[in-house]
Protein backbone atom coordinates (compact mmCIF):
# COMPACT_ATOMS: atom_id res chain seq x y z
CA MET A 1 0.01 0.01 -0.01
CA ALA A 2 3.04 2.28 0.21
CA ASP A 3 2.76 3.10 -3.47
CA MET A 4 -0.91 4.19 -3.22
CA THR A 5 -1.52 7.85 -3.90
CA LYS A 6 -3.72 10.39 -2.17
CA ALA A 7 -5.87 10.35 -5.27
CA ASP A 8 -6.20 6.55 -4.94
CA LEU A 9 -7.53 7.04 -1.40
CA ARG A 10 -10.13 9.58 -2.55
CA ALA A 11 -11.18 7.49 -5.54
CA LEU A 12 -11.55 4.37 -3.38
CA ARG A 13 -13.47 6.31 -0.73
CA GLU A 14 -15.88 7.76 -3.37
CA THR A 15 -16.21 4.43 -5.14
CA VAL A 16 -17.54 2.73 -2.03
CA GLY A 17 -19.84 5.68 -1.31
CA LEU A 18 -18.31 7.34 1.73
CA SER A 19 -18.01 11.02 2.40
CA GLN A 20 -14.88 12.28 4.19
CA GLN A 21 -16.93 12.56 7.38
CA GLN A 22 -18.33 9.07 7.12
CA LEU A 23 -14.82 7.63 6.63
CA ALA A 24 -13.53 9.69 9.51
CA ASP A 25 -16.30 8.39 11.75
CA LEU A 26 -15.61 4.78 10.73
CA ALA A 27 -11.88 5.20 11.17
CA ASN A 28 -12.20 7.13 14.45
CA VAL A 29 -10.21 10.09 13.15
CA SER A 30 -11.11 13.65 12.37
CA ARG A 31 -12.46 14.82 9.01
CA GLU A 32 -9.42 17.07 8.84
CA ALA A 33 -7.17 13.98 8.87
CA ILE A 34 -9.06 12.55 5.87
CA LYS A 35 -8.72 15.86 4.04
CA ARG A 36 -5.00 15.84 4.70
CA TRP A 37 -4.62 12.25 3.57
CA GLU A 38 -6.25 13.16 0.29
CA ASN A 39 -4.45 16.49 -0.26
CA ASP A 40 -1.03 16.55 -1.95
CA SER A 41 -0.11 19.69 0.04
CA TYR A 42 0.37 17.55 3.16
CA ASP A 43 2.84 14.72 3.87
CA TRP A 44 0.24 12.86 5.96
CA GLN A 45 -0.51 9.29 4.90
CA ALA A 46 -3.58 7.24 5.67
CA HIS A 47 -3.19 4.50 8.24
CA PRO A 48 -3.02 0.94 6.90
CA ASP A 49 -6.24 0.09 8.78
CA VAL A 50 -8.06 2.79 6.78
CA TRP A 51 -6.90 1.27 3.55
CA ALA A 52 -8.00 -2.16 4.85
CA LEU A 53 -11.45 -0.77 5.70
CA LEU A 54 -11.85 0.76 2.24
CA TYR A 55 -10.64 -2.39 0.50
CA SER A 56 -13.04 -4.48 2.61
CA LEU A 57 -15.96 -2.25 1.53
CA ARG A 58 -14.75 -2.49 -2.09
CA ASP A 59 -14.57 -6.21 -1.87
CA ARG A 60 -18.14 -6.46 -0.51
CA GLN A 61 -19.25 -4.21 -3.35
CA ARG A 62 -17.53 -6.51 -5.90
CA GLU A 63 -19.17 -9.54 -4.30
CA ALA A 64 -22.60 -7.93 -4.67
CA VAL A 65 -21.92 -7.08 -8.29
CA ASP A 66 -20.73 -10.63 -8.96
CA ALA A 67 -23.84 -12.01 -7.27
CA ALA A 68 -26.11 -9.78 -9.37
CA LEU A 69 -24.34 -10.88 -12.57
CA ASP A 70 -24.55 -14.53 -11.57
CA PHE A 71 -28.28 -14.10 -10.95
CA ALA A 72 -28.71 -12.38 -14.30
CA ASP A 73 -27.01 -15.34 -15.97
CA THR A 74 -29.81 -17.60 -14.65
CA MET A 75 -32.49 -15.51 -16.38
CA PRO A 76 -33.68 -16.62 -19.84
CA ASP A 77 -32.05 -14.68 -22.66
CA ALA A 78 -35.41 -13.69 -24.14
CA ASP A 79 -36.62 -12.19 -20.79
CA PRO A 80 -36.87 -8.44 -21.50
CA ARG A 81 -37.78 -7.50 -17.90
CA GLU A 82 -35.82 -4.71 -16.31
CA THR A 83 -33.83 -5.32 -13.18
CA VAL A 84 -35.18 -3.02 -10.51
CA ILE A 85 -32.54 -1.78 -8.08
CA SER A 86 -33.40 -0.03 -4.83
CA TYR A 87 -31.92 3.43 -4.41
CA TYR A 88 -32.31 5.34 -1.15
CA ARG A 89 -33.08 9.01 -0.64
CA SER A 90 -31.92 9.18 2.95
CA GLN A 91 -30.47 7.28 5.84
CA ALA A 92 -33.92 7.11 7.42
CA GLN A 93 -35.38 5.44 4.34
CA TYR A 94 -32.48 2.94 4.19
CA ASP A 95 -32.82 2.20 7.95
CA SER A 96 -36.57 1.48 7.56
CA CYS A 97 -35.76 -1.19 5.00
CA HIS A 98 -32.44 -2.48 6.43
CA PRO A 99 -31.98 -2.19 10.18
CA ASP A 100 -28.41 -3.36 9.78
CA GLY A 101 -26.64 -0.16 10.70
CA GLY A 102 -25.28 0.29 7.18
CA LEU A 103 -24.94 3.53 5.39
CA TYR A 104 -27.35 4.43 2.58
CA THR A 105 -24.50 6.08 0.62
CA VAL A 106 -22.62 2.81 0.59
CA ALA A 107 -25.77 0.94 -0.50
CA ASN A 108 -26.34 3.50 -3.30
CA ALA A 109 -22.73 3.17 -4.48
CA THR A 110 -23.15 -0.60 -4.63
CA ALA A 111 -26.47 -0.15 -6.48
CA ARG A 112 -24.73 2.03 -9.07
CA ALA A 113 -21.92 -0.51 -9.52
CA ILE A 114 -24.47 -3.29 -9.98
CA GLY A 115 -26.49 -1.25 -12.40
CA MET A 116 -23.47 -0.36 -14.47
CA ALA A 117 -22.33 -4.02 -14.61
CA LEU A 118 -25.74 -5.17 -15.69
CA GLU A 119 -26.01 -2.44 -18.33
CA LEU A 120 -22.62 -3.47 -19.66
CA ASP A 121 -24.16 -6.89 -20.17
CA ASP A 122 -26.97 -5.19 -22.14
CA LEU A 123 -29.49 -5.85 -19.38
CA PRO A 124 -32.07 -3.14 -18.73
CA VAL A 125 -31.97 -1.51 -15.31
CA ARG A 126 -34.32 0.79 -13.45
CA TYR A 127 -33.70 2.43 -10.06
CA GLU A 128 -36.59 2.89 -7.65
CA TYR A 129 -36.97 4.37 -4.22
CA PRO A 130 -38.38 1.87 -1.75
CA HIS A 131 -41.75 2.87 -0.39
CA ALA A 132 -41.21 1.78 3.21
CA VAL A 133 -40.77 5.39 4.38
CA GLN A 134 -42.10 8.52 2.76
CA ASP A 135 -39.58 11.23 3.49
């Protein structure tokens, strides 16, 4: 991980759907530390456990994409139905559907990754807000 850049850190953080504040909260550091880790003006480097956390989230995202693609492979080729993917407007809406303590921004980043992978396989995708909570 020594050859990872500050831009790599930001790209990975954004790919998995975390804001600087969310990553700071998960890593038990200040938002200012995250800003410095991502800014070339500072010599500060992210702790290895922060990289491990981000890679773990990325790996879970990849597993979800792989599972969606595997499921799509089981569908008949002539089936024109769209794949409907849940997309959340808020943390409250996510929590009402998934009381797992997860972050809706991470769920939405995974949803976008799944949607992109399915679309690359020429499968139609539609995003919908769940109706469990009207916010």
